[in-house]
Amino acid sequence: VHGVVRAVLPDMNVVVLTHEDIPGVMSAMTMGFRLAAPEIAQTVRVGDAVRFTLRGTPPNDVVLTAIQAAK
């Protein structure tokens, strides 16, 4: 999934992203995602365009498992 980092909240283990539509899962929106591991938050900054991977069942059981700069 592609998105843009809007906030990094390491104390809450959350990254807030504005993301594109995820067909069959959720509409495009801005929301916070819990991180599968705290160190994930160290790889991004506010304003970064990113690609990310989610695991779980929306809306309440979704975690962000990987994130990297979009190319």
N, C-alpha and C. Protein backbone atom coordinates (compact mmCIF):
# COMPACT_ATOMS: atom_id res chain seq x y z
N VAL A 1 0.85 -1.17 0.00
CA VAL A 1 0.00 0.00 0.00
C VAL A 1 0.90 1.24 0.00
N HIS A 2 0.49 2.30 -0.69
CA HIS A 2 1.24 3.56 -0.71
C HIS A 2 0.56 4.57 0.22
N GLY A 3 1.38 5.42 0.82
CA GLY A 3 0.84 6.45 1.69
C GLY A 3 1.87 7.51 2.00
N VAL A 4 1.47 8.44 2.89
CA VAL A 4 2.36 9.51 3.35
C VAL A 4 2.29 9.54 4.87
N VAL A 5 3.45 9.63 5.50
CA VAL A 5 3.53 9.67 6.97
C VAL A 5 3.05 11.04 7.46
N ARG A 6 2.08 11.04 8.35
CA ARG A 6 1.54 12.28 8.92
C ARG A 6 2.01 12.51 10.36
N ALA A 7 2.30 11.42 11.08
CA ALA A 7 2.80 11.54 12.46
C ALA A 7 3.48 10.23 12.83
N VAL A 8 4.50 10.35 13.67
CA VAL A 8 5.17 9.18 14.24
C VAL A 8 5.05 9.33 15.75
N LEU A 9 4.39 8.37 16.39
CA LEU A 9 4.12 8.42 17.82
C LEU A 9 4.76 7.21 18.50
N PRO A 10 6.09 7.24 18.69
CA PRO A 10 6.77 6.07 19.23
C PRO A 10 6.31 5.68 20.64
N ASP A 11 5.92 6.64 21.45
CA ASP A 11 5.46 6.33 22.80
C ASP A 11 4.17 5.52 22.79
N MET A 12 3.40 5.67 21.71
CA MET A 12 2.14 4.94 21.56
C MET A 12 2.28 3.75 20.62
N ASN A 13 3.48 3.58 20.03
CA ASN A 13 3.74 2.50 19.08
C ASN A 13 2.80 2.61 17.87
N VAL A 14 2.66 3.86 17.35
CA VAL A 14 1.73 4.14 16.25
C VAL A 14 2.40 5.04 15.22
N VAL A 15 2.08 4.79 13.94
CA VAL A 15 2.42 5.70 12.85
C VAL A 15 1.11 6.09 12.19
N VAL A 16 0.90 7.40 11.98
CA VAL A 16 -0.30 7.90 11.31
C VAL A 16 0.03 8.11 9.84
N LEU A 17 -0.79 7.52 8.97
CA LEU A 17 -0.58 7.56 7.53
C LEU A 17 -1.83 8.02 6.81
N THR A 18 -1.64 8.79 5.74
CA THR A 18 -2.71 9.01 4.76
C THR A 18 -2.41 7.99 3.67
N HIS A 19 -3.37 7.10 3.42
CA HIS A 19 -3.10 6.01 2.48
C HIS A 19 -4.15 5.93 1.38
N GLU A 20 -3.74 5.30 0.29
CA GLU A 20 -4.63 5.07 -0.84
C GLU A 20 -5.67 4.02 -0.48
N ASP A 21 -6.64 3.85 -1.36
CA ASP A 21 -7.65 2.82 -1.21
C ASP A 21 -6.98 1.45 -1.18
N ILE A 22 -7.43 0.59 -0.26
CA ILE A 22 -6.95 -0.78 -0.20
C ILE A 22 -8.15 -1.64 -0.61
N PRO A 23 -8.23 -2.01 -1.90
CA PRO A 23 -9.41 -2.69 -2.42
C PRO A 23 -9.82 -3.90 -1.59
N GLY A 24 -11.10 -3.92 -1.22
CA GLY A 24 -11.64 -5.02 -0.44
C GLY A 24 -11.31 -4.98 1.03
N VAL A 25 -10.55 -3.95 1.45
CA VAL A 25 -10.14 -3.88 2.85
C VAL A 25 -10.62 -2.58 3.49
N MET A 26 -10.19 -1.42 2.93
CA MET A 26 -10.63 -0.13 3.47
C MET A 26 -10.44 0.96 2.43
N SER A 27 -11.25 1.99 2.58
CA SER A 27 -11.17 3.15 1.68
C SER A 27 -9.94 3.98 2.01
N ALA A 28 -9.56 4.85 1.07
CA ALA A 28 -8.47 5.79 1.31
C ALA A 28 -8.84 6.68 2.50
N MET A 29 -7.87 6.93 3.38
CA MET A 29 -8.12 7.75 4.56
C MET A 29 -6.82 8.05 5.28
N THR A 30 -6.92 8.84 6.35
CA THR A 30 -5.80 9.07 7.26
C THR A 30 -6.14 8.37 8.56
N MET A 31 -5.22 7.53 9.02
CA MET A 31 -5.48 6.82 10.27
C MET A 31 -4.17 6.37 10.89
N GLY A 32 -4.23 6.06 12.18
CA GLY A 32 -3.07 5.55 12.89
C GLY A 32 -3.03 4.03 12.81
N PHE A 33 -1.84 3.49 12.64
CA PHE A 33 -1.65 2.05 12.61
C PHE A 33 -0.71 1.65 13.73
N ARG A 34 -1.13 0.65 14.51
CA ARG A 34 -0.24 0.07 15.52
C ARG A 34 0.91 -0.62 14.80
N LEU A 35 2.07 -0.61 15.42
CA LEU A 35 3.26 -1.20 14.81
C LEU A 35 3.49 -2.61 15.35
N ALA A 36 3.88 -3.52 14.46
CA ALA A 36 4.20 -4.88 14.89
C ALA A 36 5.46 -4.90 15.75
N ALA A 37 6.36 -3.93 15.52
CA ALA A 37 7.60 -3.81 16.31
C ALA A 37 7.94 -2.33 16.44
N PRO A 38 8.33 -1.87 17.62
CA PRO A 38 8.61 -0.45 17.85
C PRO A 38 9.67 0.14 16.93
N GLU A 39 10.66 -0.66 16.53
CA GLU A 39 11.74 -0.12 15.70
C GLU A 39 11.26 0.30 14.31
N ILE A 40 10.09 -0.12 13.90
CA ILE A 40 9.54 0.30 12.60
C ILE A 40 9.41 1.82 12.55
N ALA A 41 9.06 2.44 13.66
CA ALA A 41 8.87 3.89 13.71
C ALA A 41 10.17 4.66 13.48
N GLN A 42 11.30 4.03 13.66
CA GLN A 42 12.59 4.70 13.52
C GLN A 42 13.01 4.86 12.07
N THR A 43 12.29 4.23 11.15
CA THR A 43 12.71 4.24 9.75
C THR A 43 12.03 5.33 8.91
N VAL A 44 11.09 6.08 9.50
CA VAL A 44 10.34 7.07 8.72
C VAL A 44 10.23 8.39 9.46
N ARG A 45 9.94 9.45 8.67
CA ARG A 45 9.73 10.79 9.23
C ARG A 45 8.45 11.37 8.66
N VAL A 46 7.89 12.34 9.34
CA VAL A 46 6.69 13.02 8.87
C VAL A 46 6.95 13.59 7.48
N GLY A 47 6.01 13.36 6.57
CA GLY A 47 6.12 13.85 5.21
C GLY A 47 6.68 12.84 4.22
N ASP A 48 7.26 11.75 4.72
CA ASP A 48 7.80 10.72 3.83
C ASP A 48 6.70 10.04 3.03
N ALA A 49 6.91 9.86 1.73
CA ALA A 49 6.06 9.01 0.90
C ALA A 49 6.56 7.59 1.11
N VAL A 50 5.66 6.66 1.43
CA VAL A 50 6.07 5.31 1.80
C VAL A 50 5.20 4.24 1.14
N ARG A 51 5.74 3.03 1.17
CA ARG A 51 5.00 1.81 0.88
C ARG A 51 4.99 1.04 2.19
N PHE A 52 3.86 0.41 2.51
CA PHE A 52 3.79 -0.31 3.77
C PHE A 52 2.96 -1.57 3.64
N THR A 53 3.15 -2.46 4.60
CA THR A 53 2.48 -3.75 4.63
C THR A 53 1.69 -3.87 5.93
N LEU A 54 0.47 -4.36 5.81
CA LEU A 54 -0.40 -4.56 6.97
C LEU A 54 -0.69 -6.03 7.16
N ARG A 55 -1.03 -6.38 8.40
CA ARG A 55 -1.47 -7.74 8.72
C ARG A 55 -2.68 -7.61 9.64
N GLY A 56 -3.66 -8.48 9.47
CA GLY A 56 -4.80 -8.51 10.37
C GLY A 56 -6.10 -8.23 9.66
N THR A 57 -7.15 -8.05 10.48
CA THR A 57 -8.49 -7.83 9.98
C THR A 57 -8.97 -6.44 10.41
N PRO A 58 -9.30 -5.57 9.43
CA PRO A 58 -9.77 -4.23 9.80
C PRO A 58 -11.16 -4.29 10.41
N PRO A 59 -11.55 -3.32 11.19
CA PRO A 59 -10.79 -2.11 11.46
C PRO A 59 -9.93 -2.19 12.71
N ASN A 60 -10.19 -3.14 13.61
CA ASN A 60 -9.53 -3.10 14.92
C ASN A 60 -8.35 -4.04 15.09
N ASP A 61 -8.14 -4.95 14.19
CA ASP A 61 -7.07 -5.93 14.35
C ASP A 61 -6.05 -5.84 13.22
N VAL A 62 -5.57 -4.62 12.98
CA VAL A 62 -4.61 -4.40 11.91
C VAL A 62 -3.32 -3.84 12.50
N VAL A 63 -2.19 -4.42 12.10
CA VAL A 63 -0.89 -3.89 12.51
C VAL A 63 -0.03 -3.67 11.29
N LEU A 64 0.80 -2.67 11.37
CA LEU A 64 1.75 -2.35 10.31
C LEU A 64 2.99 -3.19 10.56
N THR A 65 3.36 -4.02 9.55
CA THR A 65 4.47 -4.94 9.74
C THR A 65 5.76 -4.49 9.06
N ALA A 66 5.64 -3.62 8.05
CA ALA A 66 6.83 -3.14 7.32
C ALA A 66 6.51 -1.81 6.67
N ILE A 67 7.54 -0.96 6.57
CA ILE A 67 7.38 0.35 5.92
C ILE A 67 8.72 0.76 5.32
N GLN A 68 8.65 1.36 4.13
CA GLN A 68 9.89 1.83 3.47
C GLN A 68 9.57 3.00 2.57
N ALA A 69 10.59 3.77 2.22
CA ALA A 69 10.41 4.90 1.32
C ALA A 69 9.87 4.41 -0.01
N ALA A 70 8.89 5.14 -0.55
CA ALA A 70 8.32 4.79 -1.85
C ALA A 70 9.28 5.19 -2.95
N LYS A 71 9.28 4.46 -4.03
CA LYS A 71 10.18 4.75 -5.15
C LYS A 71 9.38 5.19 -6.34
